[in-house]
Amino acid sequence: MRTYTNVKDLGDLNAAIKEALEVKKNRFGYKHLGENKTLLMVFFNSSLRTRLSTQKAGMNLGMNTMVLDINQGAWKLETERGVIMDGDKSEHILEAIPVMGSYCDIIGVRAFAQFENKEDDYQEKILNQFIKYSGRPVFSMEAATGHPLQAFADLITIEEYKKTARPKVVLTWAPHPKALPQAVPNSFADFMNEADVDFVITHPKGYELDSKFVRGAKIEYNQDKALEGADFVYAKNWAAYTDPNYGKILSKDMSWTVTTEKMSLTNNACFMHCLPVRRNMIVSDDVIESPQSIVIQEAANREISAQTVIKRMLESL
């Protein structure tokens, strides 16, 4: 595996899940793969779970790990060609990337959507420049349009907690005070559409996601109806995708908050969220603190999804 940006990069999804569960049983059984190898994690944006889980995954595999915070622990980088660099950006990404590649064996990149230009965001300019110019295997630690490590961890968690062979999984929009990227819901949809689940997306009108991620998923604008009989409820906010409202907040309708009343419509569903979560906007205290909340277990599986991906990359070196 040379790149990891979406579900297709994993190949056979059932085989990937099986491999991840084996990794979880024996986290230190593959340390020989990473001996004398270096993982570089490049962050253009802040992180808690991704930073810790991915670094731990590299260490589990016997790798040296380096973390670089762009704009904090390094020069500010220019990302556009043709720019006269007379501002506060001291280095161009096209020199920085191959230099980074010369110091490591595998690179993880985290670079969020800017919400300045939809085309630029959905072309994944920063991530794709690392893939093109680093000379190293590259995986996404969340990009403008996807978060495949999170979605893989989500799928592993569903596999562990499902009570029926083909559970009903509902991705529900929920209110938030800030405009958030579509990366997490995009990747969640990407994975659920390939998994053996009954997948439903519910959101207010105007919050439709990119059709290449939604594909054949059922869209239900009535949240209560969508939640009926659900086995897993995945709550997440995202800003509008469709023009002319790209990146905008269209609603803060608190009736979409996942509450005990909402969860009572489900089949005693497990509650999921990628974290961090705005309590009593996305989800009520009583739901996230309930026995049905598996957000901590879900976060713990971020180590496993990252380790499985990095293991495959090491095996391809």
Protein backbone atom coordinates (compact mmCIF):
# COMPACT_ATOMS: atom_id res chain seq x y z
CA MET A 1 0.00 0.00 0.00
CA ARG A 2 1.52 3.32 -1.13
CA THR A 3 -1.37 5.65 -0.32
CA TYR A 4 -4.31 5.60 2.04
CA THR A 5 -7.02 8.18 1.41
CA ASN A 6 -10.27 6.21 1.03
CA VAL A 7 -11.95 2.85 1.54
CA LYS A 8 -10.83 1.49 -1.85
CA ASP A 9 -7.20 1.64 -0.75
CA LEU A 10 -7.89 -1.16 1.74
CA GLY A 11 -8.99 -3.61 -0.93
CA ASP A 12 -11.11 -6.45 0.46
CA LEU A 13 -12.87 -4.78 3.39
CA ASN A 14 -13.64 -7.99 5.27
CA ALA A 15 -9.98 -8.97 5.05
CA ALA A 16 -8.97 -5.53 6.33
CA ILE A 17 -11.31 -5.83 9.32
CA LYS A 18 -9.99 -9.31 10.09
CA GLU A 19 -6.41 -8.03 9.90
CA ALA A 20 -7.23 -5.09 12.18
CA LEU A 21 -8.73 -7.39 14.80
CA GLU A 22 -5.62 -9.58 14.66
CA VAL A 23 -3.47 -6.47 15.13
CA LYS A 24 -5.57 -5.54 18.14
CA LYS A 25 -4.95 -8.95 19.71
CA ASN A 26 -1.19 -8.69 19.20
CA ARG A 27 -0.21 -5.02 18.93
CA PHE A 28 3.51 -5.68 19.33
CA GLY A 29 3.73 -8.74 17.11
CA TYR A 30 4.90 -6.82 14.06
CA LYS A 31 7.69 -4.69 15.56
CA HIS A 32 10.22 -6.20 13.17
CA LEU A 33 8.50 -4.40 10.29
CA GLY A 34 9.30 -0.94 11.67
CA GLU A 35 12.80 -1.54 12.96
CA ASN A 36 15.09 1.30 11.80
CA LYS A 37 12.16 2.90 9.96
CA THR A 38 10.82 6.42 10.63
CA LEU A 39 7.25 7.71 10.59
CA LEU A 40 6.81 11.46 10.02
CA MET A 41 3.46 12.96 11.06
CA VAL A 42 2.81 16.40 9.55
CA PHE A 43 0.06 18.52 11.11
CA PHE A 44 -1.33 21.62 9.45
CA ASN A 45 -4.15 21.53 12.03
CA SER A 46 -4.60 20.66 15.70
CA SER A 47 -5.19 17.13 16.90
CA LEU A 48 -5.60 14.97 19.98
CA ARG A 49 -6.75 11.44 19.02
CA THR A 50 -5.07 11.41 15.62
CA ARG A 51 -1.74 12.59 16.99
CA LEU A 52 -1.63 10.21 19.95
CA SER A 53 -3.15 7.16 18.28
CA THR A 54 -1.01 7.37 15.14
CA GLN A 55 2.19 7.96 17.08
CA LYS A 56 1.34 5.01 19.33
CA ALA A 57 0.62 2.88 16.26
CA GLY A 58 4.05 3.66 14.83
CA MET A 59 5.71 2.87 18.15
CA ASN A 60 3.81 -0.43 18.38
CA LEU A 61 5.40 -1.31 15.03
CA GLY A 62 8.89 -0.50 16.27
CA MET A 63 9.20 2.77 14.31
CA ASN A 64 10.90 6.00 15.20
CA THR A 65 8.22 8.70 15.13
CA MET A 66 8.61 12.41 14.38
CA VAL A 67 5.89 15.04 14.65
CA LEU A 68 5.98 18.34 12.77
CA ASP A 69 3.48 21.13 13.45
CA ILE A 70 3.34 23.41 10.44
CA ASN A 71 2.93 27.11 11.35
CA GLN A 72 3.95 26.38 14.95
CA GLY A 73 7.16 24.35 15.04
CA ALA A 74 8.19 25.08 11.45
CA TRP A 75 8.22 27.80 8.82
CA LYS A 76 4.86 28.87 7.48
CA LEU A 77 4.46 27.20 4.11
CA GLU A 78 3.22 28.65 0.84
CA THR A 79 1.09 26.12 -1.06
CA GLU A 80 0.32 27.97 -4.30
CA ARG A 81 2.48 28.32 -7.40
CA GLY A 82 3.08 31.75 -8.92
CA VAL A 83 2.84 33.60 -5.61
CA ILE A 84 5.35 36.36 -4.89
CA MET A 85 6.50 35.25 -1.45
CA ASP A 86 6.83 38.64 0.19
CA GLY A 87 4.47 37.88 3.09
CA ASP A 88 4.72 35.80 6.25
CA LYS A 89 5.32 32.46 4.49
CA SER A 90 9.02 31.73 4.37
CA GLU A 91 9.16 28.40 2.55
CA HIS A 92 7.29 26.79 -0.33
CA ILE A 93 5.69 23.42 0.17
CA LEU A 94 7.31 22.14 -3.03
CA GLU A 95 10.76 22.42 -1.44
CA ALA A 96 9.57 21.39 2.02
CA ILE A 97 7.87 18.15 0.96
CA PRO A 98 10.86 16.41 -0.68
CA VAL A 99 13.06 17.56 2.22
CA MET A 100 10.61 15.94 4.67
CA GLY A 101 10.61 12.79 2.55
CA SER A 102 14.39 12.55 2.78
CA TYR A 103 14.17 12.18 6.56
CA CYS A 104 11.59 9.39 6.83
CA ASP A 105 10.07 6.25 5.34
CA ILE A 106 6.31 6.94 5.68
CA ILE A 107 4.41 10.22 5.98
CA GLY A 108 1.03 10.96 7.56
CA VAL A 109 -0.59 14.31 6.68
CA ARG A 110 -3.38 16.26 8.39
CA ALA A 111 -4.73 19.28 6.49
CA PHE A 112 -8.33 20.47 6.90
CA ALA A 113 -10.64 22.16 4.43
CA GLN A 114 -10.18 25.94 4.31
CA PHE A 115 -13.73 26.75 3.15
CA GLU A 116 -12.26 29.46 0.91
CA ASN A 117 -12.56 27.62 -2.38
CA LYS A 118 -14.63 24.46 -2.80
CA GLU A 119 -12.67 23.31 -5.85
CA ASP A 120 -9.35 23.64 -4.03
CA ASP A 121 -10.67 21.75 -1.00
CA TYR A 122 -12.14 18.90 -3.04
CA GLN A 123 -9.00 18.56 -5.15
CA GLU A 124 -7.08 17.83 -1.93
CA LYS A 125 -4.18 19.99 -3.05
CA ILE A 126 -2.00 19.64 0.04
CA LEU A 127 -2.44 15.89 0.51
CA ASN A 128 -1.90 15.20 -3.20
CA GLN A 129 1.27 17.31 -3.27
CA PHE A 130 2.71 15.09 -0.53
CA ILE A 131 1.74 12.01 -2.53
CA LYS A 132 3.31 13.44 -5.70
CA TYR A 133 6.51 15.02 -4.38
CA SER A 134 7.57 13.22 -1.18
CA GLY A 135 8.72 9.97 -2.74
CA ARG A 136 7.26 8.13 0.26
CA PRO A 137 4.08 6.23 1.07
CA VAL A 138 1.54 8.78 2.33
CA PHE A 139 -1.61 8.34 4.38
CA SER A 140 -4.28 10.85 5.33
CA MET A 141 -4.64 11.75 9.00
CA GLU A 142 -7.67 13.84 7.91
CA ALA A 143 -7.77 15.90 4.78
CA ALA A 144 -10.15 18.48 3.37
CA THR A 145 -12.69 15.91 2.20
CA GLY A 146 -12.00 12.71 4.13
CA HIS A 147 -10.87 11.13 7.38
CA PRO A 148 -10.24 7.48 6.43
CA LEU A 149 -8.41 6.50 9.64
CA GLN A 150 -11.48 7.57 11.62
CA ALA A 151 -13.90 5.77 9.31
CA PHE A 152 -11.83 2.57 9.46
CA ALA A 153 -11.86 2.76 13.27
CA ASP A 154 -15.62 3.34 13.14
CA LEU A 155 -16.11 0.22 11.04
CA ILE A 156 -13.92 -1.86 13.37
CA THR A 157 -16.02 -0.64 16.31
CA ILE A 158 -19.30 -1.50 14.58
CA GLU A 159 -17.94 -4.97 13.83
CA GLU A 160 -17.11 -5.46 17.51
CA TYR A 161 -20.44 -4.22 18.87
CA LYS A 162 -23.00 -5.32 16.30
CA LYS A 163 -25.69 -7.70 17.50
CA THR A 164 -27.13 -8.58 14.10
CA ALA A 165 -25.39 -9.68 10.93
CA ARG A 166 -26.50 -6.59 8.99
CA PRO A 167 -27.12 -3.73 11.45
CA LYS A 168 -28.91 -0.50 10.64
CA VAL A 169 -26.42 2.38 10.84
CA VAL A 170 -27.67 5.97 10.85
CA LEU A 171 -25.46 8.98 10.22
CA THR A 172 -27.28 11.99 11.61
CA TRP A 173 -26.41 15.66 11.24
CA ALA A 174 -26.52 17.60 14.52
CA PRO A 175 -26.16 21.32 15.34
CA HIS A 176 -22.84 23.03 16.07
CA PRO A 177 -21.80 26.66 16.64
CA LYS A 178 -19.02 26.55 14.02
CA ALA A 179 -18.83 25.54 10.37
CA LEU A 180 -17.19 22.12 10.22
CA PRO A 181 -15.76 20.26 7.20
CA GLN A 182 -17.50 17.32 5.55
CA ALA A 183 -14.42 15.09 5.97
CA VAL A 184 -15.74 12.78 8.71
CA PRO A 185 -19.24 12.26 7.28
CA ASN A 186 -17.78 11.82 3.78
CA SER A 187 -15.44 9.04 4.90
CA PHE A 188 -18.06 7.44 7.14
CA ALA A 189 -20.42 7.27 4.16
CA ASP A 190 -17.59 6.00 1.96
CA PHE A 191 -16.96 3.09 4.33
CA MET A 192 -20.57 2.28 5.23
CA ASN A 193 -21.52 2.06 1.56
CA GLU A 194 -18.93 -0.69 1.13
CA ALA A 195 -19.76 -2.49 4.39
CA ASP A 196 -22.55 -5.00 4.96
CA VAL A 197 -24.87 -2.62 6.78
CA ASP A 198 -28.24 -0.94 6.21
CA PHE A 199 -27.00 2.64 5.90
CA VAL A 200 -29.16 5.76 6.24
CA ILE A 201 -28.12 9.43 6.24
CA THR A 202 -30.38 12.02 7.85
CA HIS A 203 -29.96 15.79 7.79
CA PRO A 204 -31.93 18.97 7.17
CA LYS A 205 -32.44 19.96 3.55
CA GLY A 206 -29.47 21.93 2.28
CA TYR A 207 -26.91 19.70 3.99
CA GLU A 208 -26.59 17.15 1.17
CA LEU A 209 -23.10 15.65 0.88
CA ASP A 210 -21.05 15.04 -2.26
CA SER A 211 -22.74 12.29 -4.30
CA LYS A 212 -19.45 10.43 -4.80
CA PHE A 213 -19.48 9.64 -1.06
CA VAL A 214 -23.25 9.22 -0.60
CA ARG A 215 -23.59 6.92 -3.61
CA GLY A 216 -26.60 4.65 -3.08
CA ALA A 217 -27.20 5.45 0.58
CA LYS A 218 -30.77 6.22 1.64
CA ILE A 219 -31.36 9.89 2.50
CA GLU A 220 -34.08 10.66 5.03
CA TYR A 221 -34.87 14.28 5.94
CA ASN A 222 -37.03 13.27 8.91
CA GLN A 223 -34.58 12.43 11.70
CA ASP A 224 -37.13 10.61 13.87
CA LYS A 225 -38.09 8.36 10.97
CA ALA A 226 -34.44 7.68 10.15
CA LEU A 227 -33.66 6.66 13.74
CA GLU A 228 -36.44 4.08 13.94
CA GLY A 229 -34.93 0.65 14.50
CA ALA A 230 -31.33 1.86 14.28
CA ASP A 231 -28.58 -0.30 15.79
CA PHE A 232 -25.91 2.41 15.61
CA VAL A 233 -26.38 6.19 15.66
CA TYR A 234 -23.42 8.22 14.44
CA ALA A 235 -23.91 11.93 15.17
CA LYS A 236 -21.83 14.55 13.38
CA ASN A 237 -22.13 18.13 12.28
CA TRP A 238 -20.99 19.39 8.90
CA ALA A 239 -21.32 22.66 7.02
CA ALA A 240 -23.16 22.93 3.73
CA TYR A 241 -21.50 21.31 0.70
CA THR A 242 -23.72 22.46 -2.15
CA ASP A 243 -23.21 25.81 -3.88
CA PRO A 244 -23.72 28.69 -3.25
CA ASN A 245 -23.63 27.83 0.47
CA TYR A 246 -20.41 25.82 0.61
CA GLY A 247 -18.85 26.02 4.05
CA LYS A 248 -21.78 27.88 5.59
CA ILE A 249 -24.02 27.16 8.58
CA LEU A 250 -27.61 26.93 7.39
CA SER A 251 -29.17 25.78 10.65
CA LYS A 252 -28.58 25.42 14.37
CA ASP A 253 -31.86 23.61 14.90
CA MET A 254 -31.53 22.10 18.38
CA SER A 255 -34.30 19.60 17.66
CA TRP A 256 -31.60 17.60 15.83
CA THR A 257 -29.56 17.12 19.04
CA VAL A 258 -29.33 13.41 19.91
CA THR A 259 -31.21 13.02 23.18
CA THR A 260 -32.60 10.14 25.23
CA GLU A 261 -35.94 10.73 23.54
CA LYS A 262 -34.30 10.38 20.12
CA MET A 263 -32.42 7.25 21.15
CA SER A 264 -35.66 5.69 22.40
CA LEU A 265 -36.74 5.47 18.76
CA THR A 266 -33.86 3.11 18.01
CA ASN A 267 -33.25 -0.59 18.59
CA ASN A 268 -31.34 0.20 21.79
CA ALA A 269 -28.66 1.64 19.51
CA CYS A 270 -25.04 2.30 20.31
CA PHE A 271 -24.14 5.98 20.16
CA MET A 272 -21.04 6.98 18.17
CA HIS A 273 -19.13 10.20 17.55
CA CYS A 274 -15.58 10.87 16.35
CA LEU A 275 -14.83 13.38 19.17
CA PRO A 276 -14.32 16.10 20.24
CA VAL A 277 -18.03 16.60 20.79
CA ARG A 278 -20.05 19.65 21.83
CA ARG A 279 -22.24 18.33 24.63
CA ASN A 280 -25.87 19.39 24.62
CA MET A 281 -25.56 20.52 21.02
CA ILE A 282 -24.51 17.36 19.20
CA VAL A 283 -25.58 15.01 22.01
CA SER A 284 -27.06 15.32 25.46
CA ASP A 285 -25.07 14.49 28.59
CA ASP A 286 -27.24 11.52 29.44
CA VAL A 287 -26.77 9.89 26.03
CA ILE A 288 -23.00 10.26 25.81
CA GLU A 289 -22.63 9.06 29.41
CA SER A 290 -25.00 6.13 28.95
CA PRO A 291 -23.94 2.46 28.70
CA GLN A 292 -24.88 2.62 25.01
CA SER A 293 -22.23 5.24 24.30
CA ILE A 294 -19.16 3.67 22.68
CA VAL A 295 -17.28 6.86 21.84
CA ILE A 296 -14.30 5.94 24.04
CA GLN A 297 -14.01 2.46 22.55
CA GLU A 298 -14.34 4.03 19.11
CA ALA A 299 -11.52 6.47 19.87
CA ALA A 300 -9.34 3.62 21.20
CA ASN A 301 -9.72 1.86 17.86
CA ARG A 302 -8.03 4.80 16.16
CA GLU A 303 -4.75 3.20 17.28
CA ILE A 304 -5.78 -0.04 15.58
CA SER A 305 -6.88 1.50 12.29
CA ALA A 306 -3.66 3.52 12.09
CA GLN A 307 -1.50 0.53 12.96
CA THR A 308 -3.16 -1.66 10.33
CA VAL A 309 -2.60 0.96 7.63
CA ILE A 310 1.02 1.66 8.63
CA LYS A 311 1.71 -2.09 8.86
CA ARG A 312 0.55 -2.53 5.27
CA MET A 313 2.73 0.36 4.14
CA LEU A 314 5.77 -1.10 5.88
CA GLU A 315 5.09 -4.43 4.21
CA SER A 316 5.16 -2.69 0.82
CA LEU A 317 8.54 -0.97 1.32
